[in-house]
Amino acid sequence: MKTLPIAIVMILFFSITLTSYDYHVYAPIMPESTEQLYNESAIIVVGNIVSAHEIQNGTKTEYVIQPQEYLKPANFEDATKPIVAQGIGSKTHRLIYNPVYEVGDRVLFFLQKKDDNYVISLYSIFTKSNCNGKQLLALNFSPGDFSVTQENNTYEKMFTGIPVNITAYVHNNPDLKSRYVNVNFIVHTPRSDLVLTEKRHVHIDACKGFASSSWSFVPMISGRYGVGVTSYDENGVGYGGGSFCCIKMVGRNYSSSESNMSQSLEDNLGLTGPPRSSLSSSNVDNNSWLSVIGLGGIIGGVAVAISIYVMRFKK
């Protein structure tokens, strides 16, 4: 009779192990506001890496930073004195989300004080530009590649006859130079022969992390819609983009069939023009797969436990 408790333990172990593994490997880091980073940091400084060597069997790297500009504290006693700080990981032990810097790299460092050592925050901002500290600090806010909005509705249920706004966010390179980028919008409608497209030419200002451009369409057909955005320059270099499926579109008191629509699809599918200046955001990421993985772990564990219990019973 001891088999059943053992089986239950196996279920919990199998489930927790699987879900925990996926969480640590795939879960994105949570963004922090600039105010949070400012409050958590003992020093915020723009500087160059002048030396780097591995410590603690390669699990960390000790850097020497030559300061260029202090943002915190505003008045440092010796603004030219090099700073010694530690970073997680090394060239031989790279860890996800923890950058490893090279000699000569210019970075906006967020340094936290732990056990009498300065530790480099993973939110520190690498740059190949000569932009100043305040301009680099503004880079902490970086939206996703695009957002989809329709009034206060979510992508799980939007309505026909109401404009849907797609905002593309074009991300700059680490050099933060002024540049023009081409943006392509694409919408796949429930009809396979009807695809909506739009092209835009977007300018990113120097020392800015991103620029945005918006385009809207009016859906007139109920069903599932797919949305995609691509961004690239004249050389084909990408500057962000992605795709999302699916937006569920339903009609308000929708009763007539698609074939009985009184107006042509071209007339009903309105396209509106100029980009909006607001950076409205919408969560278009579907993270339900994490729940599915956890559920799968539980189901798998139950199946294994039942099999063991049945074999034990037969004996």
C-alpha atoms as a PDB file:
ATOM      1  CA  MET A   1       0.000   0.000   0.000  1.00  0.00           C
ATOM      2  CA  LYS A   2       3.048   2.285   0.134  1.00  0.00           C
ATOM      3  CA  THR A   3       3.029   2.471  -3.660  1.00  0.00           C
ATOM      4  CA  LEU A   4       0.229   5.049  -3.859  1.00  0.00           C
ATOM      5  CA  PRO A   5       1.939   7.687  -1.654  1.00  0.00           C
ATOM      6  CA  ILE A   6       5.138   7.136  -3.640  1.00  0.00           C
ATOM      7  CA  ALA A   7       3.166   7.635  -6.851  1.00  0.00           C
ATOM      8  CA  ILE A   8       1.721  10.895  -5.546  1.00  0.00           C
ATOM      9  CA  VAL A   9       5.214  12.149  -4.739  1.00  0.00           C
ATOM     10  CA  MET A  10       6.284  11.213  -8.276  1.00  0.00           C
ATOM     11  CA  ILE A  11       3.379  13.209  -9.725  1.00  0.00           C
ATOM     12  CA  LEU A  12       4.348  16.324  -7.797  1.00  0.00           C
ATOM     13  CA  PHE A  13       8.056  15.937  -8.543  1.00  0.00           C
ATOM     14  CA  PHE A  14       7.490  15.341 -12.250  1.00  0.00           C
ATOM     15  CA  SER A  15       5.088  18.278 -12.562  1.00  0.00           C
ATOM     16  CA  ILE A  16       7.166  20.775 -10.584  1.00  0.00           C
ATOM     17  CA  THR A  17      10.373  19.780 -12.342  1.00  0.00           C
ATOM     18  CA  LEU A  18       8.875  20.228 -15.801  1.00  0.00           C
ATOM     19  CA  THR A  19       7.154  23.521 -15.149  1.00  0.00           C
ATOM     20  CA  SER A  20      10.098  24.946 -13.219  1.00  0.00           C
ATOM     21  CA  TYR A  21      12.533  23.989 -15.975  1.00  0.00           C
ATOM     22  CA  ASP A  22      10.483  25.731 -18.636  1.00  0.00           C
ATOM     23  CA  TYR A  23       9.994  28.794 -16.473  1.00  0.00           C
ATOM     24  CA  HIS A  24      13.689  29.312 -15.868  1.00  0.00           C
ATOM     25  CA  VAL A  25      14.696  28.641 -19.461  1.00  0.00           C
ATOM     26  CA  TYR A  26      12.008  30.435 -21.418  1.00  0.00           C
ATOM     27  CA  ALA A  27      10.293  32.996 -19.175  1.00  0.00           C
ATOM     28  CA  PRO A  28      11.237  36.577 -20.098  1.00  0.00           C
ATOM     29  CA  ILE A  29      12.681  38.880 -17.468  1.00  0.00           C
ATOM     30  CA  MET A  30      10.221  41.316 -15.981  1.00  0.00           C
ATOM     31  CA  PRO A  31      10.815  44.919 -17.055  1.00  0.00           C
ATOM     32  CA  GLU A  32      11.598  47.508 -14.419  1.00  0.00           C
ATOM     33  CA  SER A  33      10.673  51.156 -14.568  1.00  0.00           C
ATOM     34  CA  THR A  34      13.381  53.792 -14.703  1.00  0.00           C
ATOM     35  CA  GLU A  35      12.314  54.922 -11.239  1.00  0.00           C
ATOM     36  CA  GLN A  36      12.780  51.388  -9.871  1.00  0.00           C
ATOM     37  CA  LEU A  37      16.245  51.104 -11.405  1.00  0.00           C
ATOM     38  CA  TYR A  38      17.210  54.505 -10.054  1.00  0.00           C
ATOM     39  CA  ASN A  39      16.111  53.636  -6.524  1.00  0.00           C
ATOM     40  CA  GLU A  40      17.743  50.188  -6.546  1.00  0.00           C
ATOM     41  CA  SER A  41      21.099  51.406  -7.882  1.00  0.00           C
ATOM     42  CA  ALA A  42      23.896  52.783  -5.723  1.00  0.00           C
ATOM     43  CA  ILE A  43      25.605  54.182  -8.829  1.00  0.00           C
ATOM     44  CA  ILE A  44      24.320  54.973 -12.328  1.00  0.00           C
ATOM     45  CA  VAL A  45      27.169  55.839 -14.653  1.00  0.00           C
ATOM     46  CA  VAL A  46      28.094  55.882 -18.335  1.00  0.00           C
ATOM     47  CA  GLY A  47      31.512  54.339 -18.758  1.00  0.00           C
ATOM     48  CA  ASN A  48      33.864  52.144 -20.766  1.00  0.00           C
ATOM     49  CA  ILE A  49      35.155  48.699 -19.869  1.00  0.00           C
ATOM     50  CA  VAL A  50      38.949  48.942 -19.546  1.00  0.00           C
ATOM     51  CA  SER A  51      39.614  45.421 -18.278  1.00  0.00           C
ATOM     52  CA  ALA A  52      37.744  42.172 -17.644  1.00  0.00           C
ATOM     53  CA  HIS A  53      38.722  38.847 -16.121  1.00  0.00           C
ATOM     54  CA  GLU A  54      36.829  35.779 -14.943  1.00  0.00           C
ATOM     55  CA  ILE A  55      36.432  35.015 -11.238  1.00  0.00           C
ATOM     56  CA  GLN A  56      34.804  32.275  -9.154  1.00  0.00           C
ATOM     57  CA  ASN A  57      35.489  29.526 -11.703  1.00  0.00           C
ATOM     58  CA  GLY A  58      34.024  31.545 -14.530  1.00  0.00           C
ATOM     59  CA  THR A  59      30.620  32.080 -12.959  1.00  0.00           C
ATOM     60  CA  LYS A  60      31.321  35.826 -12.729  1.00  0.00           C
ATOM     61  CA  THR A  61      33.438  38.467 -14.458  1.00  0.00           C
ATOM     62  CA  GLU A  62      35.181  41.322 -12.688  1.00  0.00           C
ATOM     63  CA  TYR A  63      35.233  44.518 -14.732  1.00  0.00           C
ATOM     64  CA  VAL A  64      37.088  47.773 -14.349  1.00  0.00           C
ATOM     65  CA  ILE A  65      34.947  50.675 -15.571  1.00  0.00           C
ATOM     66  CA  GLN A  66      36.300  54.079 -16.554  1.00  0.00           C
ATOM     67  CA  PRO A  67      33.501  56.567 -15.766  1.00  0.00           C
ATOM     68  CA  GLN A  68      32.454  59.209 -18.323  1.00  0.00           C
ATOM     69  CA  GLU A  69      29.246  60.633 -16.847  1.00  0.00           C
ATOM     70  CA  TYR A  70      27.546  60.105 -13.493  1.00  0.00           C
ATOM     71  CA  LEU A  71      23.753  60.185 -13.206  1.00  0.00           C
ATOM     72  CA  LYS A  72      23.714  58.966  -9.583  1.00  0.00           C
ATOM     73  CA  PRO A  73      25.081  60.313  -7.363  1.00  0.00           C
ATOM     74  CA  ALA A  74      25.031  63.684  -9.080  1.00  0.00           C
ATOM     75  CA  ASN A  75      28.200  64.851  -7.307  1.00  0.00           C
ATOM     76  CA  PHE A  76      30.741  62.072  -7.008  1.00  0.00           C
ATOM     77  CA  GLU A  77      33.884  62.654  -4.964  1.00  0.00           C
ATOM     78  CA  ASP A  78      36.257  61.418  -7.666  1.00  0.00           C
ATOM     79  CA  ALA A  79      34.414  61.279 -10.970  1.00  0.00           C
ATOM     80  CA  THR A  80      37.467  59.976 -12.838  1.00  0.00           C
ATOM     81  CA  LYS A  81      38.359  57.120 -10.465  1.00  0.00           C
ATOM     82  CA  PRO A  82      37.823  53.665 -12.074  1.00  0.00           C
ATOM     83  CA  ILE A  83      35.070  51.484 -10.618  1.00  0.00           C
ATOM     84  CA  VAL A  84      35.446  47.747 -10.012  1.00  0.00           C
ATOM     85  CA  ALA A  85      32.184  45.840 -10.505  1.00  0.00           C
ATOM     86  CA  GLN A  86      31.107  42.236 -10.959  1.00  0.00           C
ATOM     87  CA  GLY A  87      28.845  40.795 -13.616  1.00  0.00           C
ATOM     88  CA  ILE A  88      27.105  37.413 -13.678  1.00  0.00           C
ATOM     89  CA  GLY A  89      28.529  34.969 -16.234  1.00  0.00           C
ATOM     90  CA  SER A  90      31.658  35.053 -18.368  1.00  0.00           C
ATOM     91  CA  LYS A  91      32.897  34.244 -21.860  1.00  0.00           C
ATOM     92  CA  THR A  92      33.127  30.583 -20.914  1.00  0.00           C
ATOM     93  CA  HIS A  93      29.904  30.505 -18.865  1.00  0.00           C
ATOM     94  CA  ARG A  94      27.313  32.630 -20.627  1.00  0.00           C
ATOM     95  CA  LEU A  95      23.919  32.838 -18.980  1.00  0.00           C
ATOM     96  CA  ILE A  96      20.635  33.861 -20.560  1.00  0.00           C
ATOM     97  CA  TYR A  97      19.730  37.543 -20.031  1.00  0.00           C
ATOM     98  CA  ASN A  98      23.113  38.318 -18.440  1.00  0.00           C
ATOM     99  CA  PRO A  99      25.355  40.152 -20.923  1.00  0.00           C
ATOM    100  CA  VAL A 100      29.096  39.626 -20.970  1.00  0.00           C
ATOM    101  CA  TYR A 101      31.008  42.799 -21.876  1.00  0.00           C
ATOM    102  CA  GLU A 102      34.210  43.260 -23.853  1.00  0.00           C
ATOM    103  CA  VAL A 103      37.058  45.688 -23.245  1.00  0.00           C
ATOM    104  CA  GLY A 104      36.121  48.966 -24.944  1.00  0.00           C
ATOM    105  CA  ASP A 105      32.343  48.513 -24.583  1.00  0.00           C
ATOM    106  CA  ARG A 106      30.441  51.674 -23.651  1.00  0.00           C
ATOM    107  CA  VAL A 107      27.560  51.019 -21.277  1.00  0.00           C
ATOM    108  CA  LEU A 108      25.074  52.843 -19.090  1.00  0.00           C
ATOM    109  CA  PHE A 109      25.694  50.865 -15.913  1.00  0.00           C
ATOM    110  CA  PHE A 110      23.206  50.342 -13.093  1.00  0.00           C
ATOM    111  CA  LEU A 111      25.403  49.249 -10.181  1.00  0.00           C
ATOM    112  CA  GLN A 112      23.959  47.735  -7.028  1.00  0.00           C
ATOM    113  CA  LYS A 113      25.893  47.356  -3.770  1.00  0.00           C
ATOM    114  CA  LYS A 114      25.942  43.777  -2.438  1.00  0.00           C
ATOM    115  CA  ASP A 115      28.317  42.491   0.225  1.00  0.00           C
ATOM    116  CA  ASP A 116      30.713  45.410  -0.253  1.00  0.00           C
ATOM    117  CA  ASN A 117      30.876  44.761  -4.000  1.00  0.00           C
ATOM    118  CA  TYR A 118      29.307  46.604  -6.898  1.00  0.00           C
ATOM    119  CA  VAL A 119      27.191  44.271  -9.036  1.00  0.00           C
ATOM    120  CA  ILE A 120      26.171  45.130 -12.604  1.00  0.00           C
ATOM    121  CA  SER A 121      22.418  44.985 -13.152  1.00  0.00           C
ATOM    122  CA  LEU A 122      21.230  42.939 -16.129  1.00  0.00           C
ATOM    123  CA  TYR A 123      19.209  46.032 -17.104  1.00  0.00           C
ATOM    124  CA  SER A 124      22.389  47.980 -17.921  1.00  0.00           C
ATOM    125  CA  ILE A 125      22.267  49.414 -21.448  1.00  0.00           C
ATOM    126  CA  PHE A 126      25.016  48.676 -23.984  1.00  0.00           C
ATOM    127  CA  THR A 127      25.532  51.286 -26.702  1.00  0.00           C
ATOM    128  CA  LYS A 128      27.773  51.991 -29.665  1.00  0.00           C
ATOM    129  CA  SER A 129      26.753  55.652 -29.646  1.00  0.00           C
ATOM    130  CA  ASN A 130      28.100  58.856 -28.133  1.00  0.00           C
ATOM    131  CA  CYS A 131      24.701  59.785 -26.707  1.00  0.00           C
ATOM    132  CA  ASN A 132      24.681  61.253 -23.217  1.00  0.00           C
ATOM    133  CA  GLY A 133      23.500  59.604 -20.030  1.00  0.00           C
ATOM    134  CA  LYS A 134      19.985  61.035 -19.960  1.00  0.00           C
ATOM    135  CA  GLN A 135      19.399  59.970 -23.565  1.00  0.00           C
ATOM    136  CA  LEU A 136      20.605  56.465 -22.760  1.00  0.00           C
ATOM    137  CA  LEU A 137      18.474  56.334 -19.618  1.00  0.00           C
ATOM    138  CA  ALA A 138      15.384  56.956 -21.763  1.00  0.00           C
ATOM    139  CA  LEU A 139      16.166  53.709 -23.606  1.00  0.00           C
ATOM    140  CA  ASN A 140      15.030  51.741 -20.563  1.00  0.00           C
ATOM    141  CA  PHE A 141      11.484  52.064 -21.925  1.00  0.00           C
ATOM    142  CA  SER A 142      11.235  49.871 -24.997  1.00  0.00           C
ATOM    143  CA  PRO A 143       7.862  48.613 -26.264  1.00  0.00           C
ATOM    144  CA  GLY A 144       7.322  45.367 -28.129  1.00  0.00           C
ATOM    145  CA  ASP A 145       7.462  45.056 -31.905  1.00  0.00           C
ATOM    146  CA  PHE A 146       3.803  45.987 -32.409  1.00  0.00           C
ATOM    147  CA  SER A 147       0.478  46.374 -30.645  1.00  0.00           C
ATOM    148  CA  VAL A 148      -3.125  45.774 -31.705  1.00  0.00           C
ATOM    149  CA  THR A 149      -5.935  47.798 -30.145  1.00  0.00           C
ATOM    150  CA  GLN A 150      -9.650  48.397 -30.632  1.00  0.00           C
ATOM    151  CA  GLU A 151     -11.103  50.773 -28.044  1.00  0.00           C
ATOM    152  CA  ASN A 152     -11.174  48.815 -24.748  1.00  0.00           C
ATOM    153  CA  ASN A 153     -11.555  45.411 -26.395  1.00  0.00           C
ATOM    154  CA  THR A 154      -8.964  42.613 -26.241  1.00  0.00           C
ATOM    155  CA  TYR A 155      -7.710  40.440 -29.098  1.00  0.00           C
ATOM    156  CA  GLU A 156      -9.795  37.569 -27.674  1.00  0.00           C
ATOM    157  CA  LYS A 157     -12.963  39.425 -28.700  1.00  0.00           C
ATOM    158  CA  MET A 158     -13.072  42.408 -31.033  1.00  0.00           C
ATOM    159  CA  PHE A 159     -15.999  43.638 -33.098  1.00  0.00           C
ATOM    160  CA  THR A 160     -16.683  44.193 -36.761  1.00  0.00           C
ATOM    161  CA  GLY A 161     -17.463  47.710 -37.923  1.00  0.00           C
ATOM    162  CA  ILE A 162     -15.022  49.300 -35.446  1.00  0.00           C
ATOM    163  CA  PRO A 163     -11.497  50.374 -36.509  1.00  0.00           C
ATOM    164  CA  VAL A 164      -8.627  48.169 -35.379  1.00  0.00           C
ATOM    165  CA  ASN A 165      -5.363  50.039 -34.835  1.00  0.00           C
ATOM    166  CA  ILE A 166      -1.972  48.402 -35.408  1.00  0.00           C
ATOM    167  CA  THR A 167       1.065  50.273 -34.102  1.00  0.00           C
ATOM    168  CA  ALA A 168       4.510  49.170 -35.250  1.00  0.00           C
ATOM    169  CA  TYR A 169       7.523  49.985 -33.078  1.00  0.00           C
ATOM    170  CA  VAL A 170      10.747  50.249 -35.062  1.00  0.00           C
ATOM    171  CA  HIS A 171      13.802  49.660 -32.854  1.00  0.00           C
ATOM    172  CA  ASN A 172      17.076  51.447 -33.443  1.00  0.00           C
ATOM    173  CA  ASN A 173      20.529  49.848 -33.581  1.00  0.00           C
ATOM    174  CA  PRO A 174      23.001  50.180 -30.682  1.00  0.00           C
ATOM    175  CA  ASP A 175      24.716  52.987 -32.640  1.00  0.00           C
ATOM    176  CA  LEU A 176      21.508  55.060 -32.151  1.00  0.00           C
ATOM    177  CA  LYS A 177      22.042  56.894 -35.436  1.00  0.00           C
ATOM    178  CA  SER A 178      19.328  58.717 -37.353  1.00  0.00           C
ATOM    179  CA  ARG A 179      17.865  56.415 -40.011  1.00  0.00           C
ATOM    180  CA  TYR A 180      14.839  55.606 -42.168  1.00  0.00           C
ATOM    181  CA  VAL A 181      13.146  52.223 -41.961  1.00  0.00           C
ATOM    182  CA  ASN A 182      10.458  50.611 -44.131  1.00  0.00           C
ATOM    183  CA  VAL A 183       7.486  49.129 -42.294  1.00  0.00           C
ATOM    184  CA  ASN A 184       5.091  46.605 -43.823  1.00  0.00           C
ATOM    185  CA  PHE A 185       1.704  45.855 -42.253  1.00  0.00           C
ATOM    186  CA  ILE A 186      -0.251  42.753 -43.247  1.00  0.00           C
ATOM    187  CA  VAL A 187      -3.660  41.483 -42.136  1.00  0.00           C
ATOM    188  CA  HIS A 188      -4.948  38.019 -43.031  1.00  0.00           C
ATOM    189  CA  THR A 189      -8.744  38.012 -43.022  1.00  0.00           C
ATOM    190  CA  PRO A 190     -11.028  34.971 -42.622  1.00  0.00           C
ATOM    191  CA  ARG A 191     -11.140  34.878 -46.437  1.00  0.00           C
ATOM    192  CA  SER A 192      -7.991  33.334 -47.866  1.00  0.00           C
ATOM    193  CA  ASP A 193      -8.275  35.478 -51.002  1.00  0.00           C
ATOM    194  CA  LEU A 194      -8.451  38.742 -49.062  1.00  0.00           C
ATOM    195  CA  VAL A 195      -5.221  40.071 -47.540  1.00  0.00           C
ATOM    196  CA  LEU A 196      -4.812  43.706 -46.458  1.00  0.00           C
ATOM    197  CA  THR A 197      -1.408  45.400 -46.699  1.00  0.00           C
ATOM    198  CA  GLU A 198       0.088  48.811 -46.039  1.00  0.00           C
ATOM    199  CA  LYS A 199       3.619  50.244 -46.320  1.00  0.00           C
ATOM    200  CA  ARG A 200       5.170  53.101 -44.344  1.00  0.00           C
ATOM    201  CA  HIS A 201       8.516  54.938 -44.362  1.00  0.00           C
ATOM    202  CA  VAL A 202       9.488  55.695 -40.742  1.00  0.00           C
ATOM    203  CA  HIS A 203      12.249  57.957 -39.441  1.00  0.00           C
ATOM    204  CA  ILE A 204      14.114  57.208 -36.185  1.00  0.00           C
ATOM    205  CA  ASP A 205      15.782  60.228 -34.593  1.00  0.00           C
ATOM    206  CA  ALA A 206      19.396  60.067 -33.423  1.00  0.00           C
ATOM    207  CA  CYS A 207      19.822  58.890 -29.813  1.00  0.00           C
ATOM    208  CA  LYS A 208      16.281  57.501 -29.793  1.00  0.00           C
ATOM    209  CA  GLY A 209      15.582  53.839 -29.113  1.00  0.00           C
ATOM    210  CA  PHE A 210      12.567  53.519 -31.365  1.00  0.00           C
ATOM    211  CA  ALA A 211       9.963  55.229 -33.532  1.00  0.00           C
ATOM    212  CA  SER A 212       6.359  54.248 -34.171  1.00  0.00           C
ATOM    213  CA  SER A 213       3.865  54.205 -37.006  1.00  0.00           C
ATOM    214  CA  SER A 214       0.186  53.262 -36.895  1.00  0.00           C
ATOM    215  CA  TRP A 215      -2.291  51.991 -39.445  1.00  0.00           C
ATOM    216  CA  SER A 216      -5.926  51.008 -38.994  1.00  0.00           C
ATOM    217  CA  PHE A 217      -8.522  48.970 -40.838  1.00  0.00           C
ATOM    218  CA  VAL A 218     -12.220  48.349 -40.326  1.00  0.00           C
ATOM    219  CA  PRO A 219     -13.090  44.627 -40.210  1.00  0.00           C
ATOM    220  CA  MET A 220     -16.467  43.706 -41.701  1.00  0.00           C
ATOM    221  CA  ILE A 221     -16.229  39.905 -41.635  1.00  0.00           C
ATOM    222  CA  SER A 222     -16.568  37.809 -38.491  1.00  0.00           C
ATOM    223  CA  GLY A 223     -13.886  35.215 -37.873  1.00  0.00           C
ATOM    224  CA  ARG A 224     -10.213  34.980 -37.022  1.00  0.00           C
ATOM    225  CA  TYR A 225      -7.671  37.550 -38.239  1.00  0.00           C
ATOM    226  CA  GLY A 226      -3.889  37.288 -38.340  1.00  0.00           C
ATOM    227  CA  VAL A 227      -1.640  40.350 -38.045  1.00  0.00           C
ATOM    228  CA  GLY A 228       1.989  40.779 -39.063  1.00  0.00           C
ATOM    229  CA  VAL A 229       4.553  43.598 -39.099  1.00  0.00           C
ATOM    230  CA  THR A 230       8.027  43.632 -40.677  1.00  0.00           C
ATOM    231  CA  SER A 231      10.607  46.429 -40.493  1.00  0.00           C
ATOM    232  CA  TYR A 232      13.805  46.720 -42.549  1.00  0.00           C
ATOM    233  CA  ASP A 233      16.118  49.295 -44.121  1.00  0.00           C
ATOM    234  CA  GLU A 234      17.227  49.702 -47.745  1.00  0.00           C
ATOM    235  CA  ASN A 235      19.874  47.000 -47.188  1.00  0.00           C
ATOM    236  CA  GLY A 236      17.378  44.479 -45.883  1.00  0.00           C
ATOM    237  CA  VAL A 237      18.543  44.747 -42.264  1.00  0.00           C
ATOM    238  CA  GLY A 238      15.685  44.042 -39.850  1.00  0.00           C
ATOM    239  CA  TYR A 239      14.558  46.537 -37.185  1.00  0.00           C
ATOM    240  CA  GLY A 240      11.830  44.563 -35.448  1.00  0.00           C
ATOM    241  CA  GLY A 241       8.598  42.918 -36.413  1.00  0.00           C
ATOM    242  CA  GLY A 242       6.533  39.828 -35.742  1.00  0.00           C
ATOM    243  CA  SER A 243       3.189  38.173 -36.319  1.00  0.00           C
ATOM    244  CA  PHE A 244       0.200  37.229 -34.226  1.00  0.00           C
ATOM    245  CA  CYS A 245      -2.674  34.821 -34.674  1.00  0.00           C
ATOM    246  CA  CYS A 246      -5.407  35.077 -33.926  1.00  0.00           C
ATOM    247  CA  ILE A 247      -7.738  37.991 -33.272  1.00  0.00           C
ATOM    248  CA  LYS A 248     -11.316  36.821 -32.832  1.00  0.00           C
ATOM    249  CA  MET A 249     -13.702  39.175 -34.596  1.00  0.00           C
ATOM    250  CA  VAL A 250     -17.444  39.000 -33.890  1.00  0.00           C
ATOM    251  CA  GLY A 251     -20.322  41.068 -35.170  1.00  0.00           C
ATOM    252  CA  ARG A 252     -22.690  43.231 -33.202  1.00  0.00           C
ATOM    253  CA  ASN A 253     -26.123  41.761 -34.016  1.00  0.00           C
ATOM    254  CA  TYR A 254     -24.480  40.175 -37.049  1.00  0.00           C
ATOM    255  CA  SER A 255     -27.083  38.123 -38.912  1.00  0.00           C
ATOM    256  CA  SER A 256     -26.429  38.324 -42.642  1.00  0.00           C
ATOM    257  CA  SER A 257     -23.987  35.947 -44.299  1.00  0.00           C
ATOM    258  CA  GLU A 258     -20.849  37.049 -46.019  1.00  0.00           C
ATOM    259  CA  SER A 259     -22.310  36.328 -49.442  1.00  0.00           C
ATOM    260  CA  ASN A 260     -25.333  38.557 -48.787  1.00  0.00           C
ATOM    261  CA  MET A 261     -23.444  41.688 -47.846  1.00  0.00           C
ATOM    262  CA  SER A 262     -25.006  44.651 -49.617  1.00  0.00           C
ATOM    263  CA  GLN A 263     -21.714  46.403 -50.321  1.00  0.00           C
ATOM    264  CA  SER A 264     -18.524  45.101 -51.857  1.00  0.00           C
ATOM    265  CA  LEU A 265     -15.692  44.073 -49.537  1.00  0.00           C
ATOM    266  CA  GLU A 266     -13.556  46.853 -50.957  1.00  0.00           C
ATOM    267  CA  ASP A 267     -16.103  49.436 -49.823  1.00  0.00           C
ATOM    268  CA  ASN A 268     -16.648  47.868 -46.419  1.00  0.00           C
ATOM    269  CA  LEU A 269     -12.978  47.439 -45.523  1.00  0.00           C
ATOM    270  CA  GLY A 270     -11.998  51.026 -44.762  1.00  0.00           C
ATOM    271  CA  LEU A 271      -8.365  52.038 -44.396  1.00  0.00           C
ATOM    272  CA  THR A 272      -7.475  55.108 -42.393  1.00  0.00           C
ATOM    273  CA  GLY A 273      -4.426  57.214 -42.844  1.00  0.00           C
ATOM    274  CA  PRO A 274      -1.894  59.144 -40.797  1.00  0.00           C
ATOM    275  CA  PRO A 275       0.094  57.615 -37.933  1.00  0.00           C
ATOM    276  CA  ARG A 276      -1.063  58.364 -34.422  1.00  0.00           C
ATOM    277  CA  SER A 277       1.292  60.136 -32.092  1.00  0.00           C
ATOM    278  CA  SER A 278       0.204  58.179 -29.025  1.00  0.00           C
ATOM    279  CA  LEU A 279       2.045  55.002 -28.068  1.00  0.00           C
ATOM    280  CA  SER A 280      -0.943  52.968 -26.979  1.00  0.00           C
ATOM    281  CA  SER A 281       0.000  49.407 -26.108  1.00  0.00           C
ATOM    282  CA  SER A 282      -1.860  46.159 -25.994  1.00  0.00           C
ATOM    283  CA  ASN A 283      -0.815  42.746 -24.798  1.00  0.00           C
ATOM    284  CA  VAL A 284      -0.827  40.541 -27.884  1.00  0.00           C
ATOM    285  CA  ASP A 285       1.258  37.742 -26.388  1.00  0.00           C
ATOM    286  CA  ASN A 286      -0.538  34.511 -25.660  1.00  0.00           C
ATOM    287  CA  ASN A 287       1.347  32.860 -22.805  1.00  0.00           C
ATOM    288  CA  SER A 288      -1.194  30.125 -22.192  1.00  0.00           C
ATOM    289  CA  TRP A 289       1.435  27.604 -23.342  1.00  0.00           C
ATOM    290  CA  LEU A 290       2.991  27.843 -19.876  1.00  0.00           C
ATOM    291  CA  SER A 291      -0.251  26.554 -18.371  1.00  0.00           C
ATOM    292  CA  VAL A 292      -0.423  23.833 -21.005  1.00  0.00           C
ATOM    293  CA  ILE A 293       3.113  22.678 -20.121  1.00  0.00           C
ATOM    294  CA  GLY A 294       2.216  22.579 -16.438  1.00  0.00           C
ATOM    295  CA  LEU A 295      -0.992  20.658 -17.161  1.00  0.00           C
ATOM    296  CA  GLY A 296       0.930  18.287 -19.402  1.00  0.00           C
ATOM    297  CA  GLY A 297       3.386  17.625 -16.590  1.00  0.00           C
ATOM    298  CA  ILE A 298       0.583  16.770 -14.189  1.00  0.00           C
ATOM    299  CA  ILE A 299      -1.151  14.492 -16.709  1.00  0.00           C
ATOM    300  CA  GLY A 300       2.129  12.759 -17.528  1.00  0.00           C
ATOM    301  CA  GLY A 301       2.880  12.254 -13.853  1.00  0.00           C
ATOM    302  CA  VAL A 302      -0.593  10.810 -13.214  1.00  0.00           C
ATOM    303  CA  ALA A 303      -0.177   8.382 -16.103  1.00  0.00           C
ATOM    304  CA  VAL A 304       3.193   7.159 -14.797  1.00  0.00           C
ATOM    305  CA  ALA A 305       1.861   6.779 -11.255  1.00  0.00           C
ATOM    306  CA  ILE A 306      -1.204   4.824 -12.368  1.00  0.00           C
ATOM    307  CA  SER A 307       0.945   2.482 -14.449  1.00  0.00           C
ATOM    308  CA  ILE A 308       3.231   1.772 -11.480  1.00  0.00           C
ATOM    309  CA  TYR A 309       0.282   1.254  -9.172  1.00  0.00           C
ATOM    310  CA  VAL A 310      -1.441  -1.174 -11.581  1.00  0.00           C
ATOM    311  CA  MET A 311       1.742  -3.231 -12.073  1.00  0.00           C
ATOM    312  CA  ARG A 312       2.250  -3.365  -8.303  1.00  0.00           C
ATOM    313  CA  PHE A 313      -1.351  -4.486  -7.801  1.00  0.00           C
ATOM    314  CA  LYS A 314      -1.019  -7.283 -10.372  1.00  0.00           C
ATOM    315  CA  LYS A 315       1.996  -8.648  -8.548  1.00  0.00           C
END
